[in-house]
Protein backbone atom coordinates (compact mmCIF):
# COMPACT_ATOMS: atom_id res chain seq x y z
CA MET A 1 1.44 -13.67 24.77
CA LYS A 2 1.36 -11.58 27.16
CA LYS A 3 -1.61 -10.79 29.07
CA GLU A 4 -1.40 -7.25 28.47
CA ASN A 5 -1.29 -7.81 24.91
CA LEU A 6 -4.26 -10.01 24.37
CA PRO A 7 -6.92 -7.11 24.04
CA ALA A 8 -5.27 -5.35 21.21
CA THR A 9 -4.48 -9.03 19.40
CA LEU A 10 -7.87 -10.86 19.50
CA PRO A 11 -9.17 -8.19 16.88
CA TRP A 12 -6.24 -9.04 14.51
CA ILE A 13 -6.83 -12.82 15.07
CA ALA A 14 -10.66 -12.48 14.50
CA ILE A 15 -9.94 -10.10 11.09
CA VAL A 16 -7.31 -13.14 9.83
CA ALA A 17 -9.63 -15.59 10.95
CA ILE A 18 -12.65 -14.21 8.83
CA ILE A 19 -10.32 -13.28 5.68
CA ALA A 20 -8.96 -16.91 5.79
CA ALA A 21 -12.85 -18.29 6.12
CA LEU A 22 -14.04 -15.93 3.20
CA PRO A 23 -13.66 -18.49 0.25
CA LEU A 24 -15.06 -20.98 2.23
CA ILE A 25 -18.24 -19.27 2.87
CA THR A 26 -18.38 -17.61 -1.04
CA SER A 27 -17.29 -18.59 -4.20
CA SER A 28 -17.88 -15.61 -5.66
CA SER A 29 -14.96 -14.74 -8.17
CA TYR A 30 -16.39 -10.95 -7.96
CA VAL A 31 -15.89 -10.87 -4.33
CA ILE A 32 -12.89 -12.66 -4.21
CA GLY A 33 -11.10 -10.83 -7.29
CA THR A 34 -12.41 -7.58 -4.98
CA MET A 35 -10.43 -8.67 -1.86
CA CYS A 36 -7.68 -9.45 -4.08
CA PHE A 37 -6.78 -6.16 -5.17
CA ILE A 38 -7.91 -4.56 -1.87
CA ALA A 39 -4.65 -6.56 -0.19
CA ILE A 40 -2.44 -5.18 -2.99
CA TYR A 41 -2.99 -1.93 -2.94
CA GLY A 42 -3.49 -2.09 0.79
CA ALA A 43 -0.18 -3.43 1.39
CA LEU A 44 0.98 -0.63 -0.81
CA ALA A 45 -0.78 2.49 0.60
CA VAL A 46 0.50 0.92 4.35
CA GLY A 47 3.94 1.69 2.59
CA MET A 48 3.35 5.02 1.28
CA GLY A 49 1.52 5.73 4.55
CA LEU A 50 4.46 4.86 6.36
CA LEU A 51 6.72 7.21 4.40
CA LEU A 52 4.64 10.20 4.43
CA GLU A 53 2.65 10.06 7.90
CA MET A 54 5.29 8.25 9.80
CA ALA A 55 8.41 9.55 8.40
CA GLY A 56 7.48 12.39 7.17
CA ILE A 57 9.33 11.83 4.02
CA PHE A 58 6.92 13.24 1.12
CA SER A 59 7.82 11.16 -1.52
CA LEU A 60 5.10 10.23 -4.28
CA ALA A 61 7.17 7.63 -6.41
CA HIS A 62 5.85 4.86 -4.72
CA PRO A 63 3.51 3.76 -7.94
CA THR A 64 6.76 3.94 -9.91
CA PHE A 65 8.52 1.05 -7.75
CA PHE A 66 5.12 -1.19 -7.66
CA GLY A 67 5.17 -0.51 -11.45
CA LEU A 68 8.76 -1.16 -11.81
CA GLY A 69 8.42 -4.36 -9.74
CA SER A 70 5.23 -5.40 -12.22
CA TYR A 71 7.24 -4.95 -15.08
CA SER A 72 10.71 -6.27 -14.19
CA GLY A 73 9.15 -9.95 -13.41
CA ALA A 74 6.43 -9.52 -16.37
CA VAL A 75 9.33 -9.00 -18.98
CA LEU A 76 11.69 -11.71 -17.81
CA ALA A 77 8.82 -14.37 -17.32
CA VAL A 78 7.50 -13.19 -20.96
CA LYS A 79 10.96 -13.56 -22.59
CA GLY A 80 11.73 -16.75 -20.92
CA ILE A 81 14.56 -15.55 -19.01
CA ALA A 82 13.57 -16.63 -15.81
CA PRO A 83 10.58 -18.19 -14.71
CA PRO A 84 7.95 -15.59 -12.67
CA TRP A 85 9.18 -16.80 -9.15
CA ALA A 86 12.55 -15.65 -9.86
CA GLY A 87 11.45 -12.74 -11.99
CA THR A 88 10.14 -11.77 -8.75
CA ILE A 89 13.52 -12.06 -7.02
CA VAL A 90 15.29 -10.26 -9.63
CA GLY A 91 12.67 -7.54 -10.32
CA THR A 92 12.72 -6.57 -5.91
CA LEU A 93 16.68 -5.98 -6.38
CA PHE A 94 16.25 -4.37 -9.29
CA VAL A 95 14.24 -2.01 -7.50
CA THR A 96 15.91 -1.94 -4.21
CA ALA A 97 19.46 -0.90 -6.32
CA LEU A 98 17.15 1.41 -7.86
CA SER A 99 15.66 3.30 -4.43
CA TYR A 100 18.92 3.50 -3.16
CA VAL A 101 20.72 5.44 -6.57
CA ILE A 102 17.87 7.52 -6.62
CA GLY A 103 17.07 7.85 -2.75
CA ALA A 104 20.67 8.87 -1.95
CA PRO A 105 20.48 12.48 -3.67
CA LEU A 106 16.58 13.14 -3.82
CA LEU A 107 16.26 12.28 -0.33
CA ARG A 108 18.38 15.59 0.88
CA LEU A 109 15.20 17.54 -0.26
CA ARG A 110 12.28 17.79 1.71
CA GLY A 111 8.77 18.88 1.98
CA PHE A 112 7.65 20.15 -1.64
CA TYR A 113 10.69 20.13 -3.28
CA LEU A 114 11.39 15.91 -2.68
CA ALA A 115 7.52 15.75 -3.88
CA CYS A 116 7.96 17.68 -6.83
CA ALA A 117 11.28 15.67 -7.74
CA THR A 118 9.11 12.22 -6.90
CA PHE A 119 6.70 13.27 -8.92
CA GLY A 120 8.69 13.79 -11.67
CA LEU A 121 10.19 10.45 -11.59
CA LEU A 122 6.71 8.94 -11.69
CA VAL A 123 5.77 11.00 -15.21
CA ILE A 124 9.45 10.04 -16.44
CA VAL A 125 9.24 6.16 -15.77
CA GLU A 126 5.45 6.05 -16.84
CA ILE A 127 6.47 7.87 -20.52
CA ALA A 128 9.74 5.45 -20.37
CA LEU A 129 7.50 1.94 -20.10
CA GLY A 130 5.19 3.29 -22.86
CA GLN A 131 7.75 4.01 -25.14
CA LEU A 132 9.83 0.73 -24.77
CA GLY A 133 7.40 -0.93 -26.98
CA THR A 134 9.71 -3.41 -27.74
CA ILE A 135 10.50 -4.72 -24.50
CA THR A 136 7.29 -3.15 -22.27
CA GLY A 137 4.80 -3.69 -25.19
CA GLY A 138 4.33 0.20 -25.13
CA HIS A 139 1.05 1.72 -24.30
CA GLU A 140 -0.95 -1.17 -25.29
CA GLY A 141 0.65 -2.93 -22.50
CA LEU A 142 2.63 -6.57 -21.82
CA VAL A 143 0.52 -9.76 -22.42
CA GLY A 144 1.27 -13.20 -22.21
CA ILE A 145 2.67 -13.32 -19.01
CA PRO A 146 2.66 -16.99 -17.30
CA PRO A 147 0.80 -17.27 -14.05
CA LEU A 148 3.51 -17.52 -10.83
CA SER A 149 4.27 -20.87 -9.84
CA ILE A 150 6.84 -21.44 -6.35
CA ALA A 151 7.64 -25.42 -6.12
CA GLY A 152 5.68 -26.78 -8.56
CA PHE A 153 2.61 -25.25 -7.29
CA VAL A 154 1.06 -23.26 -10.10
CA PHE A 155 -1.31 -20.53 -8.94
CA GLU A 156 -4.13 -20.36 -11.85
CA LYS A 157 -7.46 -19.32 -10.00
CA ASP A 158 -8.74 -16.58 -7.73
CA VAL A 159 -8.75 -17.98 -4.87
CA HIS A 160 -5.26 -18.97 -4.88
CA TYR A 161 -4.03 -15.12 -5.28
CA TYR A 162 -6.20 -14.17 -2.47
CA TYR A 163 -4.59 -16.37 -0.63
CA LEU A 164 -1.22 -15.36 -1.60
CA SER A 165 -2.16 -11.29 -1.45
CA TRP A 166 -3.63 -11.54 2.03
CA ALA A 167 -0.45 -13.39 3.29
CA PHE A 168 1.82 -10.65 2.05
CA CYS A 169 -0.52 -8.24 2.99
CA PHE A 170 -0.71 -9.32 6.64
CA GLY A 171 3.12 -10.10 6.43
CA GLN A 172 4.07 -6.56 5.81
CA LEU A 173 1.78 -5.21 8.51
CA TRP A 174 3.41 -7.48 11.27
CA PHE A 175 7.13 -6.52 9.33
CA LEU A 176 6.48 -3.07 9.35
CA SER A 177 4.98 -3.10 13.04
CA ASN A 178 7.98 -4.43 14.53
CA VAL A 179 10.40 -2.18 12.54
CA MET A 180 8.19 0.65 13.62
CA GLY A 181 8.42 -0.78 17.15
CA GLY A 182 12.08 -1.15 17.46
CA ARG A 183 14.96 0.85 17.45
CA VAL A 184 14.56 2.05 13.82
CA GLY A 185 11.38 3.01 14.55
CA ARG A 186 11.74 5.12 17.36
CA ALA A 187 14.66 6.97 15.40
CA ILE A 188 12.24 7.39 12.54
CA ARG A 189 9.59 9.20 14.87
CA SER A 190 12.25 11.49 16.02
CA PHE A 191 13.27 12.78 13.19
CA ARG A 192 9.68 13.29 11.77
CA ASP A 193 9.28 15.05 15.11
CA SER A 194 12.73 17.55 15.20
CA GLU A 195 15.77 16.87 13.22
CA LEU A 196 17.64 18.93 15.08
CA ALA A 197 16.90 17.15 18.27
CA SER A 198 17.18 13.87 16.71
CA LYS A 199 20.65 14.87 15.22
CA SER A 200 21.40 15.90 18.80
CA MET A 201 21.08 12.16 20.44
CA GLY A 202 23.62 11.14 17.50
CA VAL A 203 20.43 9.54 14.81
CA ASN A 204 21.65 9.41 11.47
CA ILE A 205 18.72 10.87 9.70
CA PRO A 206 20.11 10.38 6.00
CA ARG A 207 20.92 6.79 6.72
CA CYS A 208 17.42 6.23 8.16
CA LYS A 209 15.41 7.89 5.76
CA LEU A 210 17.76 5.70 2.95
CA GLN A 211 16.77 2.89 4.69
CA ILE A 212 13.50 2.99 4.65
CA PHE A 213 12.88 4.37 1.36
CA MET A 214 14.48 1.60 0.28
CA LEU A 215 12.49 -0.91 2.31
CA THR A 216 9.18 0.21 1.34
CA ALA A 217 10.24 0.36 -2.36
CA ALA A 218 11.08 -3.32 -2.53
CA LEU A 219 7.70 -4.26 -0.52
CA ALA A 220 6.08 -1.83 -3.49
CA SER A 221 8.03 -4.02 -5.96
CA VAL A 222 7.09 -7.39 -4.73
CA GLY A 223 3.33 -6.17 -4.38
CA GLY A 224 3.47 -5.27 -7.94
CA SER A 225 4.79 -8.75 -9.34
CA ILE A 226 1.75 -10.32 -7.44
CA TYR A 227 -0.11 -7.85 -9.40
CA CYS A 228 0.95 -8.49 -12.71
CA PHE A 229 0.88 -12.41 -12.59
CA TYR A 230 -2.42 -12.19 -11.13
CA LEU A 231 -4.04 -10.20 -14.19
CA ARG A 232 -1.47 -11.50 -16.71
CA PHE A 233 -1.37 -7.88 -17.91
CA THR A 234 0.35 -4.88 -17.26
CA GLN A 235 0.55 -1.30 -18.48
CA PRO A 236 2.16 1.83 -18.01
CA GLY A 237 -1.37 3.69 -17.26
CA ILE A 238 -2.18 1.33 -14.79
CA PHE A 239 1.26 3.27 -12.33
CA GLY A 240 0.68 6.21 -13.09
CA PHE A 241 -1.30 9.14 -11.58
CA PRO A 242 -4.71 8.10 -10.67
CA LEU A 243 -2.68 5.38 -8.73
CA LEU A 244 -1.14 7.69 -6.48
CA VAL A 245 -4.23 9.90 -6.08
CA ASP A 246 -5.92 6.46 -4.97
CA LEU A 247 -3.40 5.49 -2.17
CA VAL A 248 -3.25 9.70 -1.13
CA THR A 249 -7.33 9.42 -0.51
CA MET A 250 -6.87 5.68 0.85
CA ILE A 251 -3.88 6.87 3.36
CA ILE A 252 -6.26 10.10 4.20
CA ILE A 253 -9.58 7.95 4.55
CA GLY A 254 -7.81 5.40 6.63
CA GLY A 255 -5.55 7.44 8.69
CA GLY A 256 -1.87 7.44 8.37
CA THR A 257 -0.71 7.41 11.82
CA THR A 258 -1.36 4.19 12.26
CA ILE A 259 0.28 0.92 9.69
CA TYR A 260 -3.18 -0.58 9.32
CA GLY A 261 -4.86 2.70 8.65
CA PRO A 262 -4.38 2.34 4.95
CA LEU A 263 -5.28 -0.85 4.83
CA ILE A 264 -8.95 0.04 6.10
CA GLY A 265 -8.51 3.12 4.04
CA SER A 266 -8.26 0.39 0.85
CA PHE A 267 -11.33 -1.57 2.10
CA VAL A 268 -13.59 1.38 2.18
CA ILE A 269 -12.34 3.08 -1.08
CA THR A 270 -12.37 -0.16 -2.94
CA TRP A 271 -16.34 -1.31 -1.67
CA LEU A 272 -17.57 2.22 -2.17
CA ARG A 273 -16.20 2.61 -5.56
CA GLU A 274 -17.59 -0.69 -6.48
CA LEU A 275 -21.18 0.12 -4.92
CA ILE A 276 -20.86 3.41 -6.87
CA HIS A 277 -20.56 2.04 -10.17
CA GLY A 278 -23.11 -0.72 -9.30
CA TYR A 279 -25.83 1.48 -7.94
CA LEU A 280 -25.58 4.73 -9.53
CA GLY A 281 -24.55 3.28 -12.92
CA ASN A 282 -28.24 2.79 -12.90
CA ILE A 283 -29.31 6.23 -12.72
CA LEU A 284 -26.20 7.64 -14.20
CA PRO A 285 -25.91 6.26 -18.13
CA ARG A 286 -22.58 7.19 -18.64
CA MET A 287 -20.21 6.38 -14.79
CA THR A 288 -17.23 8.44 -15.72
CA ALA A 289 -13.89 9.25 -13.77
CA GLU A 290 -15.26 12.38 -12.97
CA VAL A 291 -18.35 11.14 -11.12
CA ASP A 292 -15.05 9.46 -8.82
CA ALA A 293 -13.65 12.59 -8.40
CA ILE A 294 -16.69 14.29 -7.30
CA PHE A 295 -17.75 11.96 -4.47
CA PHE A 296 -14.31 10.64 -3.01
CA GLY A 297 -13.45 14.53 -3.05
CA VAL A 298 -16.50 15.39 -1.21
CA LEU A 299 -15.59 12.25 0.80
CA ILE A 300 -12.08 13.51 1.65
CA ILE A 301 -13.25 17.09 2.16
CA VAL A 302 -15.75 15.75 4.85
CA ILE A 303 -13.01 13.48 6.64
CA LEU A 304 -10.10 16.05 6.77
CA ILE A 305 -13.52 18.32 8.73
CA PHE A 306 -14.71 15.80 10.79
CA MET A 307 -12.02 13.03 11.26
CA PRO A 308 -8.77 14.53 10.39
CA GLY A 309 -6.97 11.53 11.88
CA GLY A 310 -8.91 9.49 9.65
CA ILE A 311 -11.29 6.30 10.30
CA THR A 312 -8.60 4.92 12.54
CA GLY A 313 -8.06 7.88 14.45
CA TRP A 314 -11.87 8.16 15.48
CA ILE A 315 -11.71 4.75 16.58
CA ASP A 316 -8.78 5.59 18.99
CA GLN A 317 -10.62 8.38 20.41
CA PHE A 318 -13.92 6.42 20.79
CA ALA A 319 -11.63 3.46 22.29
CA ALA A 320 -10.28 5.84 24.62
CA TRP A 321 -13.73 7.89 25.30
CA VAL A 322 -15.01 3.91 26.23
CA LYS A 323 -11.85 3.25 28.53
CA LYS A 324 -12.88 6.48 30.13
CA LYS A 325 -16.19 5.80 30.85
CA ILE A 326 -15.43 2.40 31.92
CA ALA A 327 -12.49 3.68 34.48
CA GLY A 328 -15.42 6.13 35.73
CA SER A 329 -18.13 3.62 36.58
CA ARG A 330 -15.66 1.39 38.14
CA GLN A 331 -14.70 4.22 40.66
CA VAL A 332 -18.33 4.94 41.27
CA THR A 333 -19.03 1.26 42.07
CA ALA A 334 -16.30 1.36 44.18
C-alpha cells in the first residue's frame, strides 16, 4: 500500500473492522437483522446512485432487477429445479441478458423520457409478478423458500446472512470503485459531462452506457437473491414504487457524487425509520406510511437546501476546510 493512499484507506479498515466485530459485541437479532437490510439496500442504492449521479443515466428500473433476481433464484429453489446457489447464478445471468435486451433500445432515450420508460417497466413487471400466481405465488407472495447453502454450509442464522450481505456490499463497493477509477470510469464521467466532447474523443457512448447498465443490473440481481433467501419469502409489492422512493431518498441524503454515499444514506434512513417507529409509536397510536413520507420529505428538503451534495458532500467540504486550516497553521509556524 502506498503511503499517500494510507489516510484514505484507514477509515475503511476501521469501518470493516467495526462491522466484522459487531456480532461479537451484541447478540441482538434485531440489530443484526437491521444491519443486514442496511447492507442489502445500501448495495442496491450504490448501483442506482452510480447510474443516476455518476453516469447520468436516469433509469428507475433498479428495483425491477432486484425483484427479478429475487424471484428467479427463489422459484428455481422452491420448484426443486436448482439449489439456491445455482438459482442465484441462473437468476443473475437471466437478469443480465434481460438488461441487455431492454437497455439496448431504451438507453437511446435521455432524461425524463428514459425515466418514464424505465418506470413503466417497473410497473409492468410488478403487475406481471402478481398475476403469475402459479409460478410466483401471486400477490400473496412466494413461501417455502429454502435457506441458501454453499459448499455444504447452510445459511440459517441471522449472523450468517449478516456477514454474507456485508461481504457482498463491501465487495461491490471495492469493485465499482475500481471500475470508476479505470478507463471505463473515465469514459462514463466524460459522457456525463458532455456527450459531444466524449464522442469527439472516440468514446463509444452507447456501448459504455449499456455495459454499466448491465453491470449494475447483475449486481442488483445478486442482492435480490440474498434478500429473498434471508427472508425466506418474496412478494411483488416489495419491489415496487415504495422501494424506488427509498432508494432515491438514500441517494439524495447520502450523496450520489461518491460511490459510498448511498450506503451512508441507507444506514441513516434505515435507523431513522426504526427510531421513528420506536419512539413516535408511543406518541402516535397509529404509525402510518404518511408519517414516514412527511418526515423524510422534510428531511430531503433540508438536505437539498443546506447540503445539496448530501452527507458525503458535506464531509468532503469539512475535510477540505480542515486541510486548509492545517496548511495555513503550518505556514504561519514556518
